[in-house]
Amino acid sequence: MPSDPLTRALEHRFIDSFTSLIIVHLKPIYMHSEVSCVPHLLSGILTIQDLLPAPAPSGVGGGESSSSFFFDGGLFSFADIAMAPFLGRMYTMAKAGLIPDVYVALMTDPKYVRLNEYAQSLFSRKSFWDTFPDEKMYELSFVVYMGLDQKHTHHSSAQPRCF
C-alpha cells in the first residue's frame, strides 16, 4: 500500500471508477452473454483511461517490462492487483470471440491504446501468469460454463442487464 495519501486516494478512485464503469458491464457479459452491454463497456473504458497512471521510466517497477504503467510510482500496487483478474478475463473473452467487438476495439482502435498498454504491462508480470489460468483453459471454461461455442450468436430475448 502506498505511503502517500494522495496516491492511495487516486488508487481508490480508480478502483471505484473501474467497478462502476467496467465491472458493472462485464458481469452481465460473463454471466448471461449480454452483448448489448458492449457499448456501455467501451464507453466506460474510454472514461477510466484518464485515471490510469502515466508510464514509469524504463527499469522502474521490478524490471519485468520495458516500461510499467503501475500506480505508486511504477511499482505494482493494490489498484493494479485489483484490476488484473478483470482485465485478464475481459481480454481472454474478447480474444476468444465471446465479445469480438471489444477485442477489435482494444487491438485496433487508437482510442483504447492507453488501456491496452496498461493491461499489457499487467499481463507481462510473472505473478500474473503464475496465478491466471492458461488462456485456452480459461476460454474453454467460459465455453463450457456458458454453453457457448465460437458460433454462438449471443442473441437473447431476455431484458438486458446493463446499468
N, C-alpha and C. Protein backbone atom coordinates (compact mmCIF):
# COMPACT_ATOMS: atom_id res chain seq x y z
N MET A 1 0.86 -1.17 0.00
CA MET A 1 0.00 0.00 0.00
C MET A 1 0.91 1.23 0.00
N PRO A 2 0.59 2.21 -0.84
CA PRO A 2 1.42 3.41 -0.90
C PRO A 2 1.38 4.20 0.41
N SER A 3 2.52 4.77 0.76
CA SER A 3 2.57 5.57 1.98
C SER A 3 1.99 6.97 1.75
N ASP A 4 2.01 7.41 0.52
CA ASP A 4 1.49 8.75 0.19
C ASP A 4 -0.04 8.73 0.15
N PRO A 5 -0.70 9.59 0.95
CA PRO A 5 -2.17 9.58 0.98
C PRO A 5 -2.80 9.96 -0.37
N LEU A 6 -2.16 10.82 -1.13
CA LEU A 6 -2.71 11.20 -2.43
C LEU A 6 -2.70 10.01 -3.38
N THR A 7 -1.61 9.27 -3.39
CA THR A 7 -1.53 8.08 -4.25
C THR A 7 -2.57 7.06 -3.83
N ARG A 8 -2.74 6.85 -2.53
CA ARG A 8 -3.78 5.92 -2.05
C ARG A 8 -5.16 6.36 -2.51
N ALA A 9 -5.43 7.67 -2.41
CA ALA A 9 -6.74 8.19 -2.83
C ALA A 9 -6.95 8.00 -4.33
N LEU A 10 -5.90 8.23 -5.13
CA LEU A 10 -6.02 8.04 -6.58
C LEU A 10 -6.28 6.57 -6.92
N GLU A 11 -5.62 5.69 -6.20
CA GLU A 11 -5.85 4.26 -6.43
C GLU A 11 -7.27 3.86 -6.06
N HIS A 12 -7.75 4.34 -4.93
CA HIS A 12 -9.14 4.05 -4.52
C HIS A 12 -10.13 4.60 -5.54
N ARG A 13 -9.87 5.81 -6.02
CA ARG A 13 -10.76 6.42 -7.02
C ARG A 13 -10.77 5.57 -8.29
N PHE A 14 -9.60 5.11 -8.70
CA PHE A 14 -9.53 4.30 -9.90
C PHE A 14 -10.31 2.99 -9.72
N ILE A 15 -10.13 2.33 -8.58
CA ILE A 15 -10.85 1.08 -8.32
C ILE A 15 -12.36 1.32 -8.32
N ASP A 16 -12.80 2.37 -7.65
CA ASP A 16 -14.24 2.68 -7.63
C ASP A 16 -14.76 2.97 -9.03
N SER A 17 -14.01 3.74 -9.81
CA SER A 17 -14.44 4.07 -11.17
C SER A 17 -14.44 2.83 -12.05
N PHE A 18 -13.42 1.99 -11.92
CA PHE A 18 -13.35 0.77 -12.70
C PHE A 18 -14.55 -0.12 -12.39
N THR A 19 -14.89 -0.20 -11.12
CA THR A 19 -16.03 -1.02 -10.70
C THR A 19 -17.33 -0.50 -11.29
N SER A 20 -17.55 0.80 -11.20
CA SER A 20 -18.82 1.37 -11.64
C SER A 20 -18.92 1.56 -13.15
N LEU A 21 -17.79 1.61 -13.84
CA LEU A 21 -17.82 1.85 -15.28
C LEU A 21 -17.47 0.63 -16.13
N ILE A 22 -16.77 -0.33 -15.55
CA ILE A 22 -16.34 -1.50 -16.32
C ILE A 22 -16.96 -2.79 -15.77
N ILE A 23 -16.71 -3.08 -14.51
CA ILE A 23 -17.16 -4.35 -13.95
C ILE A 23 -18.67 -4.49 -14.01
N VAL A 24 -19.38 -3.40 -13.79
CA VAL A 24 -20.85 -3.46 -13.82
C VAL A 24 -21.36 -3.92 -15.19
N HIS A 25 -20.60 -3.68 -16.24
CA HIS A 25 -20.99 -4.12 -17.59
C HIS A 25 -20.37 -5.46 -17.96
N LEU A 26 -19.25 -5.81 -17.34
CA LEU A 26 -18.65 -7.11 -17.62
C LEU A 26 -19.46 -8.25 -17.02
N LYS A 27 -20.01 -8.05 -15.84
CA LYS A 27 -20.74 -9.14 -15.17
C LYS A 27 -21.88 -9.69 -16.02
N PRO A 28 -22.76 -8.84 -16.61
CA PRO A 28 -23.82 -9.41 -17.46
C PRO A 28 -23.27 -10.11 -18.71
N ILE A 29 -22.12 -9.64 -19.19
CA ILE A 29 -21.49 -10.30 -20.34
C ILE A 29 -20.98 -11.67 -19.91
N TYR A 30 -20.28 -11.75 -18.77
CA TYR A 30 -19.78 -13.03 -18.25
C TYR A 30 -20.91 -14.00 -17.97
N MET A 31 -21.87 -13.53 -17.22
CA MET A 31 -22.89 -14.42 -16.67
C MET A 31 -24.02 -14.76 -17.63
N HIS A 32 -24.36 -13.83 -18.52
CA HIS A 32 -25.54 -14.03 -19.35
C HIS A 32 -25.32 -13.74 -20.83
N SER A 33 -24.06 -13.55 -21.22
CA SER A 33 -23.73 -13.27 -22.61
C SER A 33 -24.51 -12.07 -23.14
N GLU A 34 -24.64 -11.05 -22.33
CA GLU A 34 -25.39 -9.83 -22.69
C GLU A 34 -24.51 -8.90 -23.51
N VAL A 35 -24.36 -9.18 -24.80
CA VAL A 35 -23.52 -8.34 -25.63
C VAL A 35 -24.12 -6.95 -25.85
N SER A 36 -25.36 -6.76 -25.46
CA SER A 36 -25.94 -5.41 -25.54
C SER A 36 -25.22 -4.46 -24.58
N CYS A 37 -24.43 -5.00 -23.64
CA CYS A 37 -23.67 -4.17 -22.70
C CYS A 37 -22.35 -3.68 -23.29
N VAL A 38 -21.94 -4.21 -24.43
CA VAL A 38 -20.64 -3.86 -25.00
C VAL A 38 -20.47 -2.36 -25.23
N PRO A 39 -21.44 -1.65 -25.82
CA PRO A 39 -21.24 -0.20 -25.98
C PRO A 39 -21.02 0.53 -24.65
N HIS A 40 -21.71 0.10 -23.60
CA HIS A 40 -21.51 0.70 -22.28
C HIS A 40 -20.11 0.37 -21.75
N LEU A 41 -19.67 -0.85 -21.99
CA LEU A 41 -18.34 -1.26 -21.56
C LEU A 41 -17.27 -0.43 -22.26
N LEU A 42 -17.38 -0.28 -23.57
CA LEU A 42 -16.40 0.51 -24.32
C LEU A 42 -16.41 1.97 -23.89
N SER A 43 -17.57 2.50 -23.62
CA SER A 43 -17.67 3.87 -23.13
C SER A 43 -17.00 4.00 -21.76
N GLY A 44 -17.20 3.03 -20.90
CA GLY A 44 -16.55 3.03 -19.59
C GLY A 44 -15.04 2.97 -19.69
N ILE A 45 -14.55 2.18 -20.64
CA ILE A 45 -13.10 2.08 -20.85
C ILE A 45 -12.54 3.45 -21.23
N LEU A 46 -13.22 4.13 -22.14
CA LEU A 46 -12.75 5.47 -22.53
C LEU A 46 -12.69 6.41 -21.33
N THR A 47 -13.67 6.31 -20.46
CA THR A 47 -13.73 7.20 -19.30
C THR A 47 -12.62 6.91 -18.30
N ILE A 48 -12.36 5.65 -18.00
CA ILE A 48 -11.37 5.35 -16.97
C ILE A 48 -9.93 5.52 -17.45
N GLN A 49 -9.72 5.57 -18.76
CA GLN A 49 -8.35 5.73 -19.26
C GLN A 49 -7.68 6.98 -18.70
N ASP A 50 -8.45 8.04 -18.48
CA ASP A 50 -7.88 9.27 -17.94
C ASP A 50 -7.38 9.10 -16.51
N LEU A 51 -7.84 8.07 -15.83
CA LEU A 51 -7.43 7.83 -14.45
C LEU A 51 -6.22 6.90 -14.35
N LEU A 52 -5.81 6.34 -15.48
CA LEU A 52 -4.66 5.43 -15.48
C LEU A 52 -3.37 6.21 -15.23
N PRO A 53 -2.40 5.56 -14.59
CA PRO A 53 -1.12 6.23 -14.35
C PRO A 53 -0.33 6.40 -15.64
N ALA A 54 0.51 7.41 -15.65
CA ALA A 54 1.44 7.59 -16.77
C ALA A 54 2.51 6.51 -16.67
N PRO A 55 3.12 6.14 -17.79
CA PRO A 55 4.15 5.10 -17.71
C PRO A 55 5.34 5.57 -16.89
N ALA A 56 5.88 4.66 -16.10
CA ALA A 56 7.10 4.94 -15.34
C ALA A 56 8.29 4.76 -16.27
N PRO A 57 9.40 5.39 -15.97
CA PRO A 57 10.60 5.21 -16.80
C PRO A 57 11.02 3.74 -16.86
N SER A 58 11.74 3.38 -17.89
CA SER A 58 12.23 2.01 -18.04
C SER A 58 13.02 1.60 -16.80
N GLY A 59 12.81 0.35 -16.41
CA GLY A 59 13.54 -0.17 -15.26
C GLY A 59 12.85 0.03 -13.94
N VAL A 60 11.82 0.86 -13.88
CA VAL A 60 11.08 1.07 -12.64
C VAL A 60 9.96 0.06 -12.58
N GLY A 61 9.71 -0.49 -11.43
CA GLY A 61 8.58 -1.41 -11.27
C GLY A 61 8.97 -2.86 -11.35
N GLY A 62 10.21 -3.16 -11.03
CA GLY A 62 10.60 -4.57 -10.94
C GLY A 62 11.28 -5.10 -12.18
N GLY A 63 11.38 -4.33 -13.24
CA GLY A 63 12.10 -4.74 -14.42
C GLY A 63 11.44 -5.84 -15.21
N GLU A 64 10.17 -6.10 -14.99
CA GLU A 64 9.51 -7.19 -15.71
C GLU A 64 9.04 -6.75 -17.09
N SER A 65 9.04 -5.47 -17.36
CA SER A 65 8.70 -4.98 -18.69
C SER A 65 9.52 -3.74 -18.95
N SER A 66 9.60 -3.31 -20.21
CA SER A 66 10.44 -2.17 -20.55
C SER A 66 9.95 -0.89 -19.90
N SER A 67 8.68 -0.71 -19.79
CA SER A 67 8.13 0.41 -19.03
C SER A 67 6.87 -0.10 -18.34
N SER A 68 6.60 0.44 -17.17
CA SER A 68 5.43 -0.02 -16.44
C SER A 68 4.46 1.12 -16.27
N PHE A 69 3.20 0.79 -16.21
CA PHE A 69 2.13 1.77 -16.09
C PHE A 69 1.46 1.65 -14.73
N PHE A 70 2.17 1.11 -13.76
CA PHE A 70 1.55 0.84 -12.48
C PHE A 70 1.39 2.11 -11.66
N PHE A 71 0.44 2.05 -10.74
CA PHE A 71 0.26 3.13 -9.78
C PHE A 71 1.46 3.10 -8.83
N ASP A 72 1.52 4.01 -7.92
CA ASP A 72 2.56 4.06 -6.88
C ASP A 72 3.95 4.15 -7.48
N GLY A 73 4.15 5.10 -8.38
CA GLY A 73 5.48 5.36 -8.92
C GLY A 73 6.05 4.24 -9.76
N GLY A 74 5.21 3.50 -10.41
CA GLY A 74 5.67 2.42 -11.27
C GLY A 74 5.79 1.08 -10.56
N LEU A 75 5.49 1.05 -9.26
CA LEU A 75 5.52 -0.21 -8.52
C LEU A 75 4.14 -0.85 -8.55
N PHE A 76 4.11 -2.17 -8.60
CA PHE A 76 2.86 -2.91 -8.62
C PHE A 76 2.12 -2.63 -7.32
N SER A 77 0.87 -2.20 -7.40
CA SER A 77 0.13 -1.75 -6.23
C SER A 77 -1.20 -2.48 -6.08
N PHE A 78 -1.92 -2.14 -5.02
CA PHE A 78 -3.21 -2.81 -4.79
C PHE A 78 -4.21 -2.48 -5.89
N ALA A 79 -4.16 -1.30 -6.49
CA ALA A 79 -5.06 -0.98 -7.61
C ALA A 79 -4.77 -1.90 -8.79
N ASP A 80 -3.50 -2.11 -9.06
CA ASP A 80 -3.11 -2.99 -10.17
C ASP A 80 -3.52 -4.44 -9.88
N ILE A 81 -3.34 -4.86 -8.65
CA ILE A 81 -3.73 -6.22 -8.25
C ILE A 81 -5.24 -6.40 -8.39
N ALA A 82 -5.99 -5.37 -8.03
CA ALA A 82 -7.45 -5.45 -8.12
C ALA A 82 -7.93 -5.51 -9.57
N MET A 83 -7.24 -4.86 -10.48
CA MET A 83 -7.67 -4.80 -11.88
C MET A 83 -7.25 -6.01 -12.69
N ALA A 84 -6.12 -6.60 -12.36
CA ALA A 84 -5.53 -7.65 -13.20
C ALA A 84 -6.49 -8.79 -13.54
N PRO A 85 -7.21 -9.39 -12.59
CA PRO A 85 -8.07 -10.51 -12.98
C PRO A 85 -9.23 -10.11 -13.88
N PHE A 86 -9.77 -8.91 -13.66
CA PHE A 86 -10.89 -8.46 -14.50
C PHE A 86 -10.42 -8.16 -15.92
N LEU A 87 -9.28 -7.49 -16.03
CA LEU A 87 -8.75 -7.22 -17.37
C LEU A 87 -8.33 -8.52 -18.05
N GLY A 88 -7.75 -9.44 -17.29
CA GLY A 88 -7.37 -10.73 -17.87
C GLY A 88 -8.56 -11.48 -18.44
N ARG A 89 -9.65 -11.53 -17.67
CA ARG A 89 -10.86 -12.20 -18.16
C ARG A 89 -11.45 -11.46 -19.36
N MET A 90 -11.48 -10.13 -19.29
CA MET A 90 -12.06 -9.37 -20.39
C MET A 90 -11.28 -9.60 -21.69
N TYR A 91 -9.96 -9.55 -21.62
CA TYR A 91 -9.14 -9.77 -22.82
C TYR A 91 -9.27 -11.21 -23.31
N THR A 92 -9.31 -12.17 -22.40
CA THR A 92 -9.44 -13.57 -22.80
C THR A 92 -10.78 -13.82 -23.49
N MET A 93 -11.85 -13.31 -22.91
CA MET A 93 -13.18 -13.47 -23.53
C MET A 93 -13.23 -12.78 -24.89
N ALA A 94 -12.65 -11.59 -24.95
CA ALA A 94 -12.67 -10.83 -26.21
C ALA A 94 -11.87 -11.58 -27.28
N LYS A 95 -10.69 -12.05 -26.93
CA LYS A 95 -9.85 -12.76 -27.89
C LYS A 95 -10.49 -14.07 -28.34
N ALA A 96 -11.22 -14.71 -27.43
CA ALA A 96 -11.88 -15.98 -27.75
C ALA A 96 -13.09 -15.79 -28.66
N GLY A 97 -13.48 -14.55 -28.92
CA GLY A 97 -14.61 -14.29 -29.80
C GLY A 97 -15.93 -14.19 -29.08
N LEU A 98 -15.92 -14.22 -27.74
CA LEU A 98 -17.17 -14.12 -27.00
C LEU A 98 -17.67 -12.68 -26.92
N ILE A 99 -16.76 -11.73 -27.02
CA ILE A 99 -17.12 -10.31 -27.15
C ILE A 99 -16.20 -9.69 -28.20
N PRO A 100 -16.40 -10.09 -29.47
CA PRO A 100 -15.47 -9.70 -30.53
C PRO A 100 -15.36 -8.20 -30.75
N ASP A 101 -16.42 -7.45 -30.55
CA ASP A 101 -16.34 -6.00 -30.75
C ASP A 101 -15.35 -5.37 -29.78
N VAL A 102 -15.27 -5.91 -28.59
CA VAL A 102 -14.33 -5.39 -27.60
C VAL A 102 -12.90 -5.71 -28.04
N TYR A 103 -12.67 -6.92 -28.53
CA TYR A 103 -11.32 -7.29 -28.97
C TYR A 103 -10.86 -6.41 -30.11
N VAL A 104 -11.70 -6.22 -31.09
CA VAL A 104 -11.34 -5.37 -32.23
C VAL A 104 -11.03 -3.96 -31.76
N ALA A 105 -11.87 -3.42 -30.88
CA ALA A 105 -11.65 -2.06 -30.38
C ALA A 105 -10.33 -1.96 -29.62
N LEU A 106 -10.10 -2.89 -28.71
CA LEU A 106 -8.89 -2.83 -27.89
C LEU A 106 -7.62 -3.01 -28.71
N MET A 107 -7.68 -3.84 -29.74
CA MET A 107 -6.48 -4.14 -30.50
C MET A 107 -6.22 -3.18 -31.66
N THR A 108 -7.27 -2.52 -32.17
CA THR A 108 -7.06 -1.72 -33.38
C THR A 108 -7.42 -0.25 -33.25
N ASP A 109 -8.29 0.10 -32.34
CA ASP A 109 -8.75 1.48 -32.24
C ASP A 109 -7.79 2.29 -31.37
N PRO A 110 -7.21 3.36 -31.93
CA PRO A 110 -6.26 4.17 -31.16
C PRO A 110 -6.86 4.81 -29.91
N LYS A 111 -8.18 4.89 -29.83
CA LYS A 111 -8.82 5.46 -28.64
C LYS A 111 -8.56 4.62 -27.40
N TYR A 112 -8.24 3.35 -27.58
CA TYR A 112 -8.08 2.43 -26.45
C TYR A 112 -6.63 2.06 -26.17
N VAL A 113 -5.70 2.79 -26.77
CA VAL A 113 -4.28 2.46 -26.62
C VAL A 113 -3.84 2.52 -25.16
N ARG A 114 -4.28 3.52 -24.45
CA ARG A 114 -3.82 3.68 -23.06
C ARG A 114 -4.23 2.49 -22.18
N LEU A 115 -5.47 2.03 -22.29
CA LEU A 115 -5.88 0.86 -21.50
C LEU A 115 -5.12 -0.37 -21.97
N ASN A 116 -4.94 -0.51 -23.26
CA ASN A 116 -4.25 -1.68 -23.79
C ASN A 116 -2.80 -1.72 -23.28
N GLU A 117 -2.12 -0.57 -23.26
CA GLU A 117 -0.75 -0.54 -22.75
C GLU A 117 -0.72 -0.88 -21.26
N TYR A 118 -1.67 -0.36 -20.52
CA TYR A 118 -1.75 -0.66 -19.08
C TYR A 118 -2.00 -2.16 -18.88
N ALA A 119 -2.95 -2.72 -19.62
CA ALA A 119 -3.25 -4.15 -19.50
C ALA A 119 -2.04 -5.00 -19.87
N GLN A 120 -1.37 -4.65 -20.95
CA GLN A 120 -0.20 -5.43 -21.37
C GLN A 120 0.91 -5.35 -20.32
N SER A 121 1.03 -4.20 -19.67
CA SER A 121 2.00 -4.05 -18.59
C SER A 121 1.66 -4.99 -17.43
N LEU A 122 0.36 -5.07 -17.09
CA LEU A 122 -0.07 -6.01 -16.05
C LEU A 122 0.19 -7.45 -16.48
N PHE A 123 -0.17 -7.77 -17.72
CA PHE A 123 -0.06 -9.14 -18.21
C PHE A 123 1.39 -9.60 -18.35
N SER A 124 2.32 -8.67 -18.46
CA SER A 124 3.73 -9.05 -18.63
C SER A 124 4.37 -9.51 -17.32
N ARG A 125 3.69 -9.31 -16.23
CA ARG A 125 4.25 -9.70 -14.92
C ARG A 125 4.18 -11.22 -14.74
N LYS A 126 5.27 -11.77 -14.25
CA LYS A 126 5.30 -13.21 -13.97
C LYS A 126 4.22 -13.58 -12.95
N SER A 127 4.00 -12.72 -11.98
CA SER A 127 2.99 -13.02 -10.95
C SER A 127 1.59 -13.14 -11.55
N PHE A 128 1.33 -12.40 -12.62
CA PHE A 128 0.03 -12.52 -13.28
C PHE A 128 -0.11 -13.91 -13.89
N TRP A 129 0.88 -14.34 -14.64
CA TRP A 129 0.79 -15.64 -15.31
C TRP A 129 0.91 -16.81 -14.35
N ASP A 130 1.53 -16.60 -13.19
CA ASP A 130 1.58 -17.66 -12.19
C ASP A 130 0.21 -17.91 -11.56
N THR A 131 -0.66 -16.92 -11.60
CA THR A 131 -1.97 -17.05 -10.94
C THR A 131 -3.14 -17.06 -11.91
N PHE A 132 -2.92 -16.66 -13.15
CA PHE A 132 -4.00 -16.63 -14.14
C PHE A 132 -3.97 -17.93 -14.92
N PRO A 133 -5.11 -18.60 -15.08
CA PRO A 133 -5.11 -19.87 -15.81
C PRO A 133 -4.65 -19.69 -17.26
N ASP A 134 -4.15 -20.75 -17.80
CA ASP A 134 -3.78 -20.75 -19.21
C ASP A 134 -4.95 -20.22 -20.03
N GLU A 135 -4.65 -19.41 -21.02
CA GLU A 135 -5.70 -18.76 -21.82
C GLU A 135 -6.66 -19.76 -22.45
N LYS A 136 -6.15 -20.84 -23.00
CA LYS A 136 -7.03 -21.82 -23.64
C LYS A 136 -7.93 -22.51 -22.62
N MET A 137 -7.37 -22.82 -21.46
CA MET A 137 -8.17 -23.45 -20.41
C MET A 137 -9.25 -22.49 -19.93
N TYR A 138 -8.89 -21.23 -19.79
CA TYR A 138 -9.85 -20.23 -19.33
C TYR A 138 -10.96 -20.03 -20.36
N GLU A 139 -10.56 -19.96 -21.63
CA GLU A 139 -11.54 -19.83 -22.71
C GLU A 139 -12.50 -21.02 -22.71
N LEU A 140 -11.97 -22.21 -22.56
CA LEU A 140 -12.80 -23.41 -22.53
C LEU A 140 -13.78 -23.38 -21.36
N SER A 141 -13.34 -22.86 -20.21
CA SER A 141 -14.24 -22.81 -19.07
C SER A 141 -15.43 -21.90 -19.35
N PHE A 142 -15.22 -20.81 -20.08
CA PHE A 142 -16.35 -19.95 -20.46
C PHE A 142 -17.27 -20.68 -21.43
N VAL A 143 -16.68 -21.38 -22.38
CA VAL A 143 -17.49 -22.09 -23.37
C VAL A 143 -18.34 -23.15 -22.68
N VAL A 144 -17.75 -23.93 -21.79
CA VAL A 144 -18.47 -24.98 -21.09
C VAL A 144 -19.48 -24.40 -20.12
N TYR A 145 -19.05 -23.44 -19.30
CA TYR A 145 -19.93 -22.87 -18.27
C TYR A 145 -21.13 -22.17 -18.88
N MET A 146 -20.89 -21.40 -19.93
CA MET A 146 -21.97 -20.61 -20.52
C MET A 146 -22.69 -21.36 -21.63
N GLY A 147 -22.20 -22.54 -21.98
CA GLY A 147 -22.84 -23.29 -23.05
C GLY A 147 -22.63 -22.63 -24.40
N LEU A 148 -21.50 -21.97 -24.55
CA LEU A 148 -21.23 -21.23 -25.79
C LEU A 148 -20.23 -21.98 -26.64
N ASP A 149 -20.24 -21.67 -27.90
CA ASP A 149 -19.17 -22.08 -28.77
C ASP A 149 -18.83 -20.89 -29.66
N GLN A 150 -17.87 -21.04 -30.53
CA GLN A 150 -17.42 -19.91 -31.35
C GLN A 150 -18.51 -19.40 -32.29
N LYS A 151 -19.51 -20.19 -32.57
CA LYS A 151 -20.57 -19.77 -33.49
C LYS A 151 -21.77 -19.19 -32.75
N HIS A 152 -21.67 -19.10 -31.42
CA HIS A 152 -22.79 -18.58 -30.63
C HIS A 152 -23.12 -17.16 -31.07
N THR A 153 -24.39 -16.89 -31.28
CA THR A 153 -24.79 -15.59 -31.81
C THR A 153 -25.05 -14.56 -30.74
N HIS A 154 -25.13 -14.95 -29.50
CA HIS A 154 -25.35 -14.04 -28.37
C HIS A 154 -26.70 -13.35 -28.40
N HIS A 155 -27.64 -13.82 -29.20
CA HIS A 155 -28.95 -13.19 -29.21
C HIS A 155 -29.76 -13.71 -28.03
N SER A 156 -30.46 -12.82 -27.40
CA SER A 156 -31.26 -13.21 -26.25
C SER A 156 -32.54 -12.41 -26.26
N SER A 157 -33.63 -13.05 -25.94
CA SER A 157 -34.90 -12.33 -25.86
C SER A 157 -35.11 -11.73 -24.48
N ALA A 158 -34.23 -12.07 -23.54
CA ALA A 158 -34.36 -11.52 -22.18
C ALA A 158 -33.97 -10.05 -22.16
N GLN A 159 -34.44 -9.36 -21.15
CA GLN A 159 -34.09 -7.95 -20.99
C GLN A 159 -32.59 -7.82 -20.71
N PRO A 160 -31.93 -6.82 -21.30
CA PRO A 160 -30.52 -6.61 -21.00
C PRO A 160 -30.32 -6.28 -19.52
N ARG A 161 -29.19 -6.68 -18.99
CA ARG A 161 -28.87 -6.43 -17.60
C ARG A 161 -27.84 -5.31 -17.46
N CYS A 162 -27.67 -4.49 -18.45
CA CYS A 162 -26.72 -3.37 -18.39
C CYS A 162 -27.27 -2.28 -17.50
N PHE A 163 -26.38 -1.57 -16.87
CA PHE A 163 -26.79 -0.48 -16.00
C PHE A 163 -26.36 0.85 -16.58
